[in-house]
Every structure is written in structure tokens, then in C-alpha cells.
C-alpha atoms as a PDB file:
ATOM      1  CA  MET A   1     -20.678  11.307 -17.428  1.00  0.00           C
ATOM      2  CA  ALA A   2     -17.294  12.949 -17.661  1.00  0.00           C
ATOM      3  CA  ALA A   3     -16.069  10.096 -19.872  1.00  0.00           C
ATOM      4  CA  ILE A   4     -19.158  10.489 -22.142  1.00  0.00           C
ATOM      5  CA  ARG A   5     -18.488  14.226 -22.411  1.00  0.00           C
ATOM      6  CA  MET A   6     -14.862  13.532 -23.377  1.00  0.00           C
ATOM      7  CA  LEU A   7     -15.951  11.022 -26.044  1.00  0.00           C
ATOM      8  CA  PHE A   8     -18.417  13.379 -27.656  1.00  0.00           C
ATOM      9  CA  SER A   9     -15.868  16.219 -27.411  1.00  0.00           C
ATOM     10  CA  TRP A  10     -13.354  14.062 -29.315  1.00  0.00           C
ATOM     11  CA  LEU A  11     -16.000  13.214 -31.949  1.00  0.00           C
ATOM     12  CA  THR A  12     -16.856  16.890 -32.332  1.00  0.00           C
ATOM     13  CA  GLU A  13     -13.148  17.762 -32.752  1.00  0.00           C
ATOM     14  CA  LYS A  14     -12.812  15.066 -35.501  1.00  0.00           C
ATOM     15  CA  GLY A  15     -15.814  16.426 -37.336  1.00  0.00           C
ATOM     16  CA  VAL A  16     -18.035  13.344 -36.714  1.00  0.00           C
ATOM     17  CA  LEU A  17     -20.588  15.479 -34.816  1.00  0.00           C
ATOM     18  CA  ALA A  18     -21.503  19.142 -35.295  1.00  0.00           C
ATOM     19  CA  MET A  19     -21.829  19.681 -31.464  1.00  0.00           C
ATOM     20  CA  ASN A  20     -21.266  17.978 -28.212  1.00  0.00           C
ATOM     21  CA  PRO A  21     -24.711  16.835 -26.995  1.00  0.00           C
ATOM     22  CA  ALA A  22     -23.477  15.920 -23.545  1.00  0.00           C
ATOM     23  CA  ARG A  23     -21.881  19.268 -22.817  1.00  0.00           C
ATOM     24  CA  GLU A  24     -24.989  20.881 -21.239  1.00  0.00           C
ATOM     25  CA  VAL A  25     -26.195  17.836 -19.367  1.00  0.00           C
ATOM     26  CA  LYS A  26     -26.113  18.538 -15.588  1.00  0.00           C
ATOM     27  CA  THR A  27     -25.197  15.766 -13.214  1.00  0.00           C
ATOM     28  CA  GLU A  28     -25.589  15.442  -9.470  1.00  0.00           C
ATOM     29  CA  ARG A  29     -22.660  16.931  -7.590  1.00  0.00           C
ATOM     30  CA  PHE A  30     -20.729  14.514  -5.440  1.00  0.00           C
ATOM     31  CA  SER A  31     -17.696  15.000  -3.233  1.00  0.00           C
ATOM     32  CA  ARG A  32     -15.998  12.773  -0.748  1.00  0.00           C
ATOM     33  CA  THR A  33     -13.677  13.899   2.040  1.00  0.00           C
ATOM     34  CA  GLU A  34     -12.636  10.398   3.164  1.00  0.00           C
ATOM     35  CA  GLY A  35     -12.011   7.244   1.307  1.00  0.00           C
ATOM     36  CA  LYS A  36     -13.771   3.904   1.939  1.00  0.00           C
ATOM     37  CA  THR A  37     -10.676   1.749   2.430  1.00  0.00           C
ATOM     38  CA  PRO A  38     -10.822   0.305   5.999  1.00  0.00           C
ATOM     39  CA  ALA A  39      -7.830   1.178   8.150  1.00  0.00           C
ATOM     40  CA  PHE A  40      -6.380  -0.948  10.933  1.00  0.00           C
ATOM     41  CA  VAL A  41      -7.144   0.137  14.447  1.00  0.00           C
ATOM     42  CA  GLU A  42      -4.362   0.740  16.958  1.00  0.00           C
ATOM     43  CA  GLY A  43      -2.358  -2.423  17.828  1.00  0.00           C
ATOM     44  CA  GLU A  44      -3.632  -4.532  14.902  1.00  0.00           C
ATOM     45  CA  VAL A  45      -0.643  -4.125  12.567  1.00  0.00           C
ATOM     46  CA  GLN A  46       1.746  -5.128  15.401  1.00  0.00           C
ATOM     47  CA  LYS A  47      -0.493  -8.115  16.223  1.00  0.00           C
ATOM     48  CA  LEU A  48      -0.519  -9.220  12.568  1.00  0.00           C
ATOM     49  CA  LEU A  49       3.276  -9.075  12.176  1.00  0.00           C
ATOM     50  CA  GLY A  50       3.769 -10.702  15.541  1.00  0.00           C
ATOM     51  CA  VAL A  51       1.863 -13.950  14.890  1.00  0.00           C
ATOM     52  CA  ILE A  52       3.772 -14.812  11.740  1.00  0.00           C
ATOM     53  CA  GLU A  53       6.130 -17.700  12.272  1.00  0.00           C
ATOM     54  CA  THR A  54       9.782 -17.088  11.425  1.00  0.00           C
ATOM     55  CA  CYS A  55      11.014 -20.625  11.228  1.00  0.00           C
ATOM     56  CA  THR A  56      10.275 -20.882   7.484  1.00  0.00           C
ATOM     57  CA  HIS A  57      11.369 -18.808   4.487  1.00  0.00           C
ATOM     58  CA  THR A  58       7.732 -18.089   3.586  1.00  0.00           C
ATOM     59  CA  GLY A  59       7.044 -16.852   7.081  1.00  0.00           C
ATOM     60  CA  LEU A  60      10.004 -14.479   6.912  1.00  0.00           C
ATOM     61  CA  ARG A  61       8.943 -13.365   3.427  1.00  0.00           C
ATOM     62  CA  ASP A  62       5.344 -12.684   4.526  1.00  0.00           C
ATOM     63  CA  ARG A  63       6.455 -10.639   7.556  1.00  0.00           C
ATOM     64  CA  ALA A  64       8.888  -8.627   5.468  1.00  0.00           C
ATOM     65  CA  LEU A  65       6.308  -7.965   2.692  1.00  0.00           C
ATOM     66  CA  LEU A  66       3.665  -6.887   5.173  1.00  0.00           C
ATOM     67  CA  GLY A  67       6.325  -4.740   6.837  1.00  0.00           C
ATOM     68  CA  VAL A  68       7.007  -2.933   3.599  1.00  0.00           C
ATOM     69  CA  LEU A  69       3.262  -2.283   3.210  1.00  0.00           C
ATOM     70  CA  ALA A  70       3.128  -0.900   6.780  1.00  0.00           C
ATOM     71  CA  TYR A  71       6.238   1.289   6.745  1.00  0.00           C
ATOM     72  CA  THR A  72       6.126   2.742   3.214  1.00  0.00           C
ATOM     73  CA  PHE A  73       2.421   3.207   2.230  1.00  0.00           C
ATOM     74  CA  ALA A  74       3.445   1.648  -1.084  1.00  0.00           C
ATOM     75  CA  ARG A  75       0.917   0.081  -3.453  1.00  0.00           C
ATOM     76  CA  ILE A  76       0.982  -3.714  -3.487  1.00  0.00           C
ATOM     77  CA  GLY A  77       1.642  -3.749  -7.252  1.00  0.00           C
ATOM     78  CA  ALA A  78       4.831  -1.763  -6.746  1.00  0.00           C
ATOM     79  CA  ILE A  79       5.935  -4.049  -3.871  1.00  0.00           C
ATOM     80  CA  VAL A  80       5.575  -7.368  -5.716  1.00  0.00           C
ATOM     81  CA  ASN A  81       7.637  -5.959  -8.539  1.00  0.00           C
ATOM     82  CA  LEU A  82      10.632  -5.180  -6.322  1.00  0.00           C
ATOM     83  CA  LYS A  83      13.937  -6.892  -6.998  1.00  0.00           C
ATOM     84  CA  VAL A  84      16.541  -7.583  -4.358  1.00  0.00           C
ATOM     85  CA  GLU A  85      18.745  -4.849  -5.961  1.00  0.00           C
ATOM     86  CA  ASP A  86      15.962  -2.349  -5.249  1.00  0.00           C
ATOM     87  CA  TYR A  87      16.859  -2.545  -1.542  1.00  0.00           C
ATOM     88  CA  TYR A  88      20.271  -0.971  -1.349  1.00  0.00           C
ATOM     89  CA  PRO A  89      22.524   1.020   1.015  1.00  0.00           C
ATOM     90  CA  SER A  90      23.014   4.768   0.879  1.00  0.00           C
ATOM     91  CA  GLY A  91      25.424   5.960   3.515  1.00  0.00           C
ATOM     92  CA  LYS A  92      24.523   4.400   6.822  1.00  0.00           C
ATOM     93  CA  ARG A  93      20.897   3.662   5.915  1.00  0.00           C
ATOM     94  CA  PHE A  94      19.119   1.623   3.205  1.00  0.00           C
ATOM     95  CA  LEU A  95      16.687   2.780   0.540  1.00  0.00           C
ATOM     96  CA  LEU A  96      13.858   1.069  -1.355  1.00  0.00           C
ATOM     97  CA  ARG A  97      13.363   1.953  -4.974  1.00  0.00           C
ATOM     98  CA  PHE A  98       9.772   1.510  -6.201  1.00  0.00           C
ATOM     99  CA  LYS A  99       8.435   1.592  -9.746  1.00  0.00           C
ATOM    100  CA  GLU A 100       5.080   3.207  -9.526  1.00  0.00           C
ATOM    101  CA  LYS A 101       2.124   3.745 -11.818  1.00  0.00           C
ATOM    102  CA  GLY A 102       2.876   5.497 -15.067  1.00  0.00           C
ATOM    103  CA  GLY A 103       6.548   4.378 -15.075  1.00  0.00           C
ATOM    104  CA  LYS A 104       7.481   6.706 -12.224  1.00  0.00           C
ATOM    105  CA  GLU A 105      10.288   5.729  -9.883  1.00  0.00           C
ATOM    106  CA  LYS A 106      10.312   6.568  -6.163  1.00  0.00           C
ATOM    107  CA  GLU A 107      13.097   6.086  -3.640  1.00  0.00           C
ATOM    108  CA  LEU A 108      12.333   6.030   0.080  1.00  0.00           C
ATOM    109  CA  PRO A 109      14.627   5.696   3.132  1.00  0.00           C
ATOM    110  CA  VAL A 110      13.845   2.509   5.002  1.00  0.00           C
ATOM    111  CA  HIS A 111      12.473   2.681   8.564  1.00  0.00           C
ATOM    112  CA  HIS A 112      14.900   1.022  11.057  1.00  0.00           C
ATOM    113  CA  LYS A 113      12.267  -1.560  12.049  1.00  0.00           C
ATOM    114  CA  LEU A 114      11.621  -2.500   8.420  1.00  0.00           C
ATOM    115  CA  GLU A 115      15.353  -2.672   7.834  1.00  0.00           C
ATOM    116  CA  GLU A 116      15.604  -5.327  10.596  1.00  0.00           C
ATOM    117  CA  LEU A 117      12.764  -7.404   8.988  1.00  0.00           C
ATOM    118  CA  LEU A 118      14.336  -7.261   5.486  1.00  0.00           C
ATOM    119  CA  ASP A 119      17.855  -7.950   6.642  1.00  0.00           C
ATOM    120  CA  GLU A 120      16.792 -11.056   8.630  1.00  0.00           C
ATOM    121  CA  TYR A 121      14.707 -12.250   5.667  1.00  0.00           C
ATOM    122  CA  LEU A 122      17.420 -11.776   3.082  1.00  0.00           C
ATOM    123  CA  LYS A 123      20.112 -13.411   5.165  1.00  0.00           C
ATOM    124  CA  ALA A 124      18.030 -16.457   6.072  1.00  0.00           C
ATOM    125  CA  THR A 125      16.852 -17.125   2.519  1.00  0.00           C
ATOM    126  CA  GLY A 126      20.135 -16.334   0.764  1.00  0.00           C
ATOM    127  CA  LEU A 127      18.361 -13.842  -1.481  1.00  0.00           C
ATOM    128  CA  GLY A 128      20.816 -11.141  -0.364  1.00  0.00           C
ATOM    129  CA  ASN A 129      23.343 -12.661  -2.758  1.00  0.00           C
ATOM    130  CA  GLU A 130      20.973 -12.566  -5.775  1.00  0.00           C
ATOM    131  CA  PRO A 131      20.467  -8.947  -6.728  1.00  0.00           C
ATOM    132  CA  GLY A 132      18.491  -9.788  -9.897  1.00  0.00           C
ATOM    133  CA  SER A 133      15.927 -11.985  -8.114  1.00  0.00           C
ATOM    134  CA  PRO A 134      12.448 -10.895  -7.060  1.00  0.00           C
ATOM    135  CA  LEU A 135      12.582  -9.472  -3.493  1.00  0.00           C
ATOM    136  CA  PHE A 136       9.353 -11.374  -2.705  1.00  0.00           C
ATOM    137  CA  PRO A 137       9.234 -14.635  -4.755  1.00  0.00           C
ATOM    138  CA  ALA A 138       6.417 -17.167  -4.713  1.00  0.00           C
ATOM    139  CA  ALA A 139       6.554 -20.181  -2.415  1.00  0.00           C
ATOM    140  CA  LEU A 140       7.430 -23.712  -3.497  1.00  0.00           C
ATOM    141  CA  GLY A 141       4.140 -25.314  -2.675  1.00  0.00           C
ATOM    142  CA  LYS A 142       3.856 -25.948   1.084  1.00  0.00           C
ATOM    143  CA  THR A 143       7.484 -26.674   1.611  1.00  0.00           C
ATOM    144  CA  GLY A 144       8.095 -23.348   3.396  1.00  0.00           C
ATOM    145  CA  LYS A 145      10.790 -22.578   0.837  1.00  0.00           C
ATOM    146  CA  LEU A 146      10.835 -19.985  -1.943  1.00  0.00           C
ATOM    147  CA  SER A 147      11.063 -20.275  -5.734  1.00  0.00           C
ATOM    148  CA  ARG A 148      12.571 -17.503  -7.839  1.00  0.00           C
ATOM    149  CA  ARG A 149       9.268 -16.676  -9.558  1.00  0.00           C
ATOM    150  CA  PRO A 150       7.916 -13.279  -8.500  1.00  0.00           C
ATOM    151  CA  LEU A 151       4.778 -13.134  -6.348  1.00  0.00           C
ATOM    152  CA  VAL A 152       1.739 -11.564  -8.085  1.00  0.00           C
ATOM    153  CA  ARG A 153      -0.773  -9.125  -6.489  1.00  0.00           C
ATOM    154  CA  THR A 154      -3.534 -11.692  -6.054  1.00  0.00           C
ATOM    155  CA  ASP A 155      -1.051 -14.060  -4.286  1.00  0.00           C
ATOM    156  CA  ALA A 156      -0.128 -11.319  -1.854  1.00  0.00           C
ATOM    157  CA  ALA A 157      -3.742 -10.441  -1.193  1.00  0.00           C
ATOM    158  CA  ASP A 158      -4.515 -14.083  -0.498  1.00  0.00           C
ATOM    159  CA  MET A 159      -1.514 -14.341   1.817  1.00  0.00           C
ATOM    160  CA  LEU A 160      -2.823 -11.282   3.735  1.00  0.00           C
ATOM    161  CA  LYS A 161      -6.207 -12.951   4.178  1.00  0.00           C
ATOM    162  CA  ARG A 162      -4.571 -16.064   5.590  1.00  0.00           C
ATOM    163  CA  ARG A 163      -2.448 -14.002   7.998  1.00  0.00           C
ATOM    164  CA  LEU A 164      -5.463 -12.012   9.094  1.00  0.00           C
ATOM    165  CA  LYS A 165      -7.273 -15.141   9.961  1.00  0.00           C
ATOM    166  CA  GLN A 166      -4.283 -16.568  11.818  1.00  0.00           C
ATOM    167  CA  ALA A 167      -4.137 -13.321  13.893  1.00  0.00           C
ATOM    168  CA  GLY A 168      -7.872 -13.304  14.559  1.00  0.00           C
ATOM    169  CA  LEU A 169      -8.364  -9.992  12.722  1.00  0.00           C
ATOM    170  CA  PRO A 170     -11.241  -8.887  10.477  1.00  0.00           C
ATOM    171  CA  ALA A 171     -11.166 -10.297   6.958  1.00  0.00           C
ATOM    172  CA  HIS A 172     -12.296  -7.017   5.340  1.00  0.00           C
ATOM    173  CA  TYR A 173      -8.718  -5.585   5.468  1.00  0.00           C
ATOM    174  CA  SER A 174      -6.808  -5.443   2.227  1.00  0.00           C
ATOM    175  CA  PRO A 175      -3.296  -4.512   1.140  1.00  0.00           C
ATOM    176  CA  HIS A 176      -4.629  -0.965   0.604  1.00  0.00           C
ATOM    177  CA  SER A 177      -5.590  -0.756   4.270  1.00  0.00           C
ATOM    178  CA  PHE A 178      -1.941  -0.390   5.146  1.00  0.00           C
ATOM    179  CA  ARG A 179      -1.886   2.776   3.025  1.00  0.00           C
ATOM    180  CA  ALA A 180      -4.764   4.354   4.954  1.00  0.00           C
ATOM    181  CA  THR A 181      -3.356   3.231   8.224  1.00  0.00           C
ATOM    182  CA  GLY A 182       0.218   4.412   7.474  1.00  0.00           C
ATOM    183  CA  ILE A 183      -0.852   7.823   6.314  1.00  0.00           C
ATOM    184  CA  THR A 184      -3.137   8.338   9.329  1.00  0.00           C
ATOM    185  CA  ASN A 185      -0.408   7.212  11.761  1.00  0.00           C
ATOM    186  CA  PHE A 186       2.171   9.521  10.048  1.00  0.00           C
ATOM    187  CA  LEU A 187      -0.128  12.554  10.397  1.00  0.00           C
ATOM    188  CA  GLU A 188      -1.047  11.727  13.979  1.00  0.00           C
ATOM    189  CA  ASN A 189       2.671  11.765  14.856  1.00  0.00           C
ATOM    190  CA  ASP A 190       3.100  15.322  13.513  1.00  0.00           C
ATOM    191  CA  GLY A 191       4.045  14.373   9.957  1.00  0.00           C
ATOM    192  CA  THR A 192       3.033  16.958   7.361  1.00  0.00           C
ATOM    193  CA  LEU A 193       0.543  16.378   4.578  1.00  0.00           C
ATOM    194  CA  GLU A 194       3.142  17.347   1.972  1.00  0.00           C
ATOM    195  CA  ALA A 195       5.550  14.729   3.292  1.00  0.00           C
ATOM    196  CA  ALA A 196       2.736  12.080   3.408  1.00  0.00           C
ATOM    197  CA  GLN A 197       1.892  12.955  -0.189  1.00  0.00           C
ATOM    198  CA  ARG A 198       5.560  12.396  -1.299  1.00  0.00           C
ATOM    199  CA  ILE A 199       5.822   9.104   0.593  1.00  0.00           C
ATOM    200  CA  ALA A 200       2.528   7.870  -0.844  1.00  0.00           C
ATOM    201  CA  GLY A 201       3.476   9.042  -4.382  1.00  0.00           C
ATOM    202  CA  HIS A 202       0.271  10.986  -4.890  1.00  0.00           C
ATOM    203  CA  ALA A 203       0.191  13.660  -7.562  1.00  0.00           C
ATOM    204  CA  ASP A 204      -2.418  15.671  -5.629  1.00  0.00           C
ATOM    205  CA  SER A 205      -2.599  16.202  -1.831  1.00  0.00           C
ATOM    206  CA  ARG A 206      -6.381  15.885  -2.102  1.00  0.00           C
ATOM    207  CA  THR A 207      -5.873  12.261  -2.778  1.00  0.00           C
ATOM    208  CA  THR A 208      -3.687  11.852   0.288  1.00  0.00           C
ATOM    209  CA  LYS A 209      -6.358  13.474   2.408  1.00  0.00           C
ATOM    210  CA  LEU A 210      -8.814  10.697   1.411  1.00  0.00           C
ATOM    211  CA  TYR A 211      -6.643   8.276   3.396  1.00  0.00           C
ATOM    212  CA  ASP A 212      -6.575  10.336   6.546  1.00  0.00           C
ATOM    213  CA  ARG A 213      -8.775   8.666   9.141  1.00  0.00           C
ATOM    214  CA  ARG A 214      -8.155  11.108  11.995  1.00  0.00           C
ATOM    215  CA  GLY A 215     -11.509  12.631  11.559  1.00  0.00           C
ATOM    216  CA  GLN A 216     -13.275   9.271  12.154  1.00  0.00           C
ATOM    217  CA  LYS A 217     -11.454   8.956  15.486  1.00  0.00           C
ATOM    218  CA  VAL A 218     -12.501  12.343  16.626  1.00  0.00           C
ATOM    219  CA  LEU A 219     -16.127  11.626  15.622  1.00  0.00           C
ATOM    220  CA  LEU A 220     -16.165   8.408  17.602  1.00  0.00           C
ATOM    221  CA  GLU A 221     -14.831  10.153  20.674  1.00  0.00           C
ATOM    222  CA  ASP A 222     -17.505  12.795  20.317  1.00  0.00           C
ATOM    223  CA  MET A 223     -20.297  10.298  19.926  1.00  0.00           C
ATOM    224  CA  GLU A 224     -19.202   8.484  23.113  1.00  0.00           C
ATOM    225  CA  ARG A 225     -19.886  11.674  24.997  1.00  0.00           C
ATOM    226  CA  ILE A 226     -23.638  10.869  24.674  1.00  0.00           C
ATOM    227  CA  ARG A 227     -24.443   9.169  27.933  1.00  0.00           C
ATOM    228  CA  TYR A 228     -27.872   8.129  29.254  1.00  0.00           C
END
């Protein structure tokens, strides 16, 4: 309805219509305090990363990519667009430079555990010597080796489904589930909403709150108090 109002408002401004017929139309009010993206439960992210074999380049790539999802809350579209040069040192630590929606750039310090995953991956594959290459290239068939063609979002989502099945985890999780899981985990460990908003790259903290699943956990604990 908001889109229809905007259309008629534009037509009115251009003189096509004398008035906006949608302006006075009342619609049902709707608000949501939590998003619908399923979040991983405790221990599942570690289990997922732990079952990935590291004897192949694709295995190392998959573990590193899922690690970036887990430790940065980044959108999958921004992750598959990373180049090797977007992972770079700054002092004693490394940063990741993401290109987000709307052409915005975001730089984040890299968690020490993620740094270990990325360093092992780049050293084993030789990608560390190719700054202009995609950080997460597509595989060369089933050889276990990597091309220099960038992975696309659908490839990454399909890879996650395969890894979930391998780990015996529910198939309803998606790359976006890491966003909800990471934000909730961050807030549970005394992170602030403002910092979570900056890490997630949200323009409004109300969007960040939609990913906070702490309320669901409290509700479950409360419901378990009903005993017959």
C-alpha cells in the first residue's frame, strides 16, 4: 500500500492526477519485533565448521567462507565479492573490507579464530600471492581444486546446504542465519546494540533488533517452567 501511495503521489506531483486517491485509504497496522530468519542453536556453528575436511582446497575454502559468515555477520553477497586484497594487515591484526549494498564500504577487524582459518586457507591454496583474485573462487568440478572464477551467491547457498547435511544439521538454515546467530551471540556476551549495528552495517538499530533472538530463549525457559 505504501508503494501504491508513492506512485499516486508522484502522478499527482506530475499533474497526471488532481489528487492522490490512495492517501486516505487505511490499512491494517502491522509490526514485528523479531525477524523470521532461523538462527543456529548453541554448538551448531562449531559442529558445522568442525566436520569440513581440510585436505582439499575446496574444503578449506568452504570452512573459511562459513567462518567469515559466522564472525562478521556479513551478507553473503558482500562475502562472495571479496578479493584477496580485501583481507589485509593493519598493525598487528588483519581487516576485511566489504562492499555493501548501495556502494557502501565497511572495514572490520578480523576475529583471531577467523584469522587462523583464512591464513591456513590462503597459504594452502596459494591465493595469498594473488591479491587481485577472488577470495572465494568457484571449484574446478569435483577435483577439490579452485578456479579463479568468483563464487556466486547461489553457489555459496548450495554449498551451505551440502555442509549442513554432512553435519547432520537442519536444512532450513541459510547464509542469513549466521547474521541472526552472530548478532544474538554478540549481544549475549555483553556487546552493545550500537556496536552490533555497526558490525552488521544496518542504517537503523531497529533492523538490528530484528535479528536478536535472546527473547526467544527466555520464552522457552519460561515455558519449561510449566510442569504437570
